[in-house]
């Protein structure tokens, strides 16, 4: 399991883009993302394994877990 926490320290709303390097024989078997203090949207692209989380407001924290 890979756990990451990110806090937007900017004054503007941003899109957070996470890229996860892992061995080519590994597989992703689960994914969770949680944005505190409101709603966010996320998009997971499996072939590149890139996760985009939009509408991360100023001072907001994103918690992310990946099950590999």
N, C-alpha and C. Protein backbone atom coordinates (compact mmCIF):
# COMPACT_ATOMS: atom_id res chain seq x y z
N UNK A 1 0.84 -1.16 0.00
CA UNK A 1 0.00 0.00 0.00
C UNK A 1 0.89 1.24 0.00
N UNK A 2 0.52 2.22 -0.80
CA UNK A 2 1.21 3.50 -0.88
C UNK A 2 0.25 4.56 -0.36
N UNK A 3 0.67 5.32 0.66
CA UNK A 3 -0.16 6.39 1.23
C UNK A 3 0.56 7.72 1.02
N UNK A 4 -0.18 8.73 0.57
CA UNK A 4 0.40 10.05 0.38
C UNK A 4 -0.56 11.11 0.91
N UNK A 5 -0.01 12.18 1.41
CA UNK A 5 -0.79 13.33 1.86
C UNK A 5 -0.22 14.57 1.20
N UNK A 6 -1.11 15.40 0.68
CA UNK A 6 -0.67 16.63 0.03
C UNK A 6 -1.53 17.78 0.55
N UNK A 7 -0.93 18.91 0.87
CA UNK A 7 -1.66 20.10 1.29
C UNK A 7 -1.39 21.22 0.30
N UNK A 8 -2.45 21.83 -0.19
CA UNK A 8 -2.31 22.95 -1.11
C UNK A 8 -1.93 24.19 -0.31
N UNK A 9 -0.70 24.63 -0.44
CA UNK A 9 -0.22 25.81 0.28
C UNK A 9 -0.35 27.08 -0.57
N UNK A 10 -0.86 26.93 -1.78
CA UNK A 10 -1.07 28.08 -2.65
C UNK A 10 -2.32 28.85 -2.22
N UNK A 11 -2.51 30.05 -2.74
CA UNK A 11 -3.69 30.84 -2.43
C UNK A 11 -4.84 30.57 -3.40
N UNK A 12 -4.56 29.82 -4.46
CA UNK A 12 -5.56 29.52 -5.49
C UNK A 12 -5.94 28.06 -5.47
N UNK A 13 -7.10 27.76 -6.06
CA UNK A 13 -7.52 26.38 -6.26
C UNK A 13 -6.63 25.77 -7.34
N UNK A 14 -6.21 24.52 -7.12
CA UNK A 14 -5.30 23.86 -8.07
C UNK A 14 -5.83 22.49 -8.46
N UNK A 15 -5.19 21.89 -9.45
CA UNK A 15 -5.36 20.49 -9.79
C UNK A 15 -4.08 19.78 -9.38
N UNK A 16 -4.20 18.75 -8.55
CA UNK A 16 -3.03 17.98 -8.12
C UNK A 16 -2.89 16.77 -9.04
N UNK A 17 -1.71 16.57 -9.57
CA UNK A 17 -1.45 15.43 -10.46
C UNK A 17 -0.39 14.55 -9.80
N UNK A 18 -0.77 13.31 -9.54
CA UNK A 18 0.14 12.32 -8.95
C UNK A 18 0.54 11.31 -10.01
N UNK A 19 1.80 10.97 -10.06
CA UNK A 19 2.29 9.91 -10.93
C UNK A 19 2.99 8.88 -10.05
N UNK A 20 2.68 7.62 -10.27
CA UNK A 20 3.19 6.56 -9.41
C UNK A 20 4.05 5.59 -10.20
N UNK A 21 5.36 5.60 -9.98
CA UNK A 21 6.20 4.60 -10.63
C UNK A 21 6.12 3.29 -9.86
N UNK A 22 5.96 2.19 -10.55
CA UNK A 22 6.03 0.88 -9.92
C UNK A 22 6.44 -0.14 -10.96
N UNK A 23 6.87 -1.28 -10.49
CA UNK A 23 7.37 -2.35 -11.35
C UNK A 23 6.32 -2.75 -12.38
N UNK A 24 6.75 -3.04 -13.61
CA UNK A 24 5.81 -3.38 -14.68
C UNK A 24 5.04 -4.67 -14.45
N UNK A 25 5.49 -5.51 -13.54
CA UNK A 25 4.75 -6.74 -13.25
C UNK A 25 3.77 -6.55 -12.09
N UNK A 26 3.74 -5.35 -11.50
CA UNK A 26 2.81 -5.07 -10.40
C UNK A 26 1.44 -4.71 -10.97
N UNK A 27 0.43 -4.82 -10.14
CA UNK A 27 -0.93 -4.47 -10.54
C UNK A 27 -1.56 -3.61 -9.45
N UNK A 28 -2.40 -2.70 -9.87
CA UNK A 28 -3.14 -1.88 -8.92
C UNK A 28 -4.45 -2.60 -8.64
N UNK A 29 -4.69 -2.90 -7.37
CA UNK A 29 -5.91 -3.63 -7.02
C UNK A 29 -6.90 -2.78 -6.24
N UNK A 30 -6.57 -1.52 -5.98
CA UNK A 30 -7.49 -0.63 -5.29
C UNK A 30 -6.97 0.79 -5.26
N UNK A 31 -7.89 1.72 -5.05
CA UNK A 31 -7.54 3.14 -5.08
C UNK A 31 -8.54 3.91 -4.22
N UNK A 32 -8.05 4.84 -3.41
CA UNK A 32 -8.91 5.71 -2.61
C UNK A 32 -8.31 7.10 -2.61
N UNK A 33 -9.16 8.11 -2.71
CA UNK A 33 -8.73 9.50 -2.57
C UNK A 33 -9.79 10.23 -1.76
N UNK A 34 -9.33 11.04 -0.84
CA UNK A 34 -10.24 11.80 0.02
C UNK A 34 -9.75 13.23 0.09
N UNK A 35 -10.66 14.16 -0.11
CA UNK A 35 -10.33 15.59 -0.03
C UNK A 35 -11.08 16.15 1.17
N UNK A 36 -10.34 16.77 2.10
CA UNK A 36 -11.01 17.33 3.28
C UNK A 36 -11.71 18.64 2.94
N UNK A 37 -12.64 19.04 3.74
CA UNK A 37 -13.34 20.33 3.64
C UNK A 37 -13.99 20.58 2.30
N UNK A 38 -14.73 19.66 1.77
CA UNK A 38 -15.44 19.93 0.52
C UNK A 38 -15.37 18.77 -0.45
N UNK A 39 -15.65 19.10 -1.69
CA UNK A 39 -15.73 18.07 -2.72
C UNK A 39 -14.62 18.28 -3.75
N UNK A 40 -14.08 17.21 -4.23
CA UNK A 40 -13.10 17.24 -5.30
C UNK A 40 -13.45 16.16 -6.30
N UNK A 41 -12.87 16.23 -7.44
CA UNK A 41 -13.09 15.22 -8.47
C UNK A 41 -11.74 14.60 -8.79
N UNK A 42 -11.74 13.30 -9.11
CA UNK A 42 -10.47 12.70 -9.49
C UNK A 42 -10.65 11.79 -10.69
N UNK A 43 -9.57 11.65 -11.43
CA UNK A 43 -9.53 10.83 -12.63
C UNK A 43 -8.30 9.94 -12.52
N UNK A 44 -8.50 8.65 -12.70
CA UNK A 44 -7.39 7.69 -12.64
C UNK A 44 -7.19 7.09 -14.01
N UNK A 45 -5.98 7.20 -14.53
CA UNK A 45 -5.63 6.63 -15.82
C UNK A 45 -4.71 5.45 -15.58
N UNK A 46 -5.21 4.25 -15.80
CA UNK A 46 -4.47 3.06 -15.43
C UNK A 46 -3.23 2.79 -16.28
N UNK A 47 -3.28 3.09 -17.57
CA UNK A 47 -2.15 2.74 -18.43
C UNK A 47 -0.91 3.58 -18.11
N UNK A 48 -1.10 4.81 -17.69
CA UNK A 48 0.01 5.67 -17.33
C UNK A 48 0.19 5.64 -15.82
N UNK A 49 -0.80 5.25 -15.13
CA UNK A 49 -0.97 5.34 -13.68
C UNK A 49 -0.69 6.74 -13.21
N UNK A 50 -1.59 7.61 -13.63
CA UNK A 50 -1.58 9.01 -13.23
C UNK A 50 -2.95 9.33 -12.65
N UNK A 51 -2.98 10.03 -11.54
CA UNK A 51 -4.21 10.40 -10.88
C UNK A 51 -4.28 11.92 -10.81
N UNK A 52 -5.36 12.49 -11.34
CA UNK A 52 -5.56 13.94 -11.29
C UNK A 52 -6.69 14.23 -10.31
N UNK A 53 -6.44 15.09 -9.34
CA UNK A 53 -7.46 15.49 -8.37
C UNK A 53 -7.68 16.98 -8.54
N UNK A 54 -8.89 17.35 -8.97
CA UNK A 54 -9.16 18.75 -9.27
C UNK A 54 -9.85 19.44 -8.10
N UNK A 55 -9.91 20.75 -8.19
CA UNK A 55 -10.59 21.60 -7.20
C UNK A 55 -10.02 21.46 -5.80
N UNK A 56 -8.70 21.38 -5.69
CA UNK A 56 -8.06 21.37 -4.37
C UNK A 56 -7.90 22.84 -3.98
N UNK A 57 -8.73 23.27 -3.04
CA UNK A 57 -8.76 24.67 -2.66
C UNK A 57 -7.58 25.03 -1.76
N UNK A 58 -7.34 26.31 -1.60
CA UNK A 58 -6.25 26.80 -0.74
C UNK A 58 -6.38 26.21 0.65
N UNK A 59 -5.27 25.73 1.18
CA UNK A 59 -5.17 25.16 2.54
C UNK A 59 -5.92 23.83 2.70
N UNK A 60 -6.35 23.24 1.61
CA UNK A 60 -7.05 21.95 1.65
C UNK A 60 -6.04 20.81 1.58
N UNK A 61 -6.36 19.67 2.21
CA UNK A 61 -5.47 18.51 2.24
C UNK A 61 -6.10 17.36 1.48
N UNK A 62 -5.27 16.63 0.72
CA UNK A 62 -5.72 15.46 -0.03
C UNK A 62 -5.01 14.25 0.56
N UNK A 63 -5.77 13.21 0.87
CA UNK A 63 -5.22 11.94 1.36
C UNK A 63 -5.43 10.90 0.26
N UNK A 64 -4.39 10.18 -0.05
CA UNK A 64 -4.43 9.25 -1.19
C UNK A 64 -3.84 7.91 -0.79
N UNK A 65 -4.53 6.82 -1.13
CA UNK A 65 -4.02 5.47 -0.87
C UNK A 65 -4.12 4.64 -2.14
N UNK A 66 -3.09 3.90 -2.41
CA UNK A 66 -3.02 3.02 -3.56
C UNK A 66 -2.71 1.63 -3.07
N UNK A 67 -3.42 0.64 -3.55
CA UNK A 67 -3.15 -0.75 -3.19
C UNK A 67 -2.52 -1.43 -4.37
N UNK A 68 -1.24 -1.74 -4.25
CA UNK A 68 -0.49 -2.33 -5.35
C UNK A 68 -0.11 -3.75 -5.01
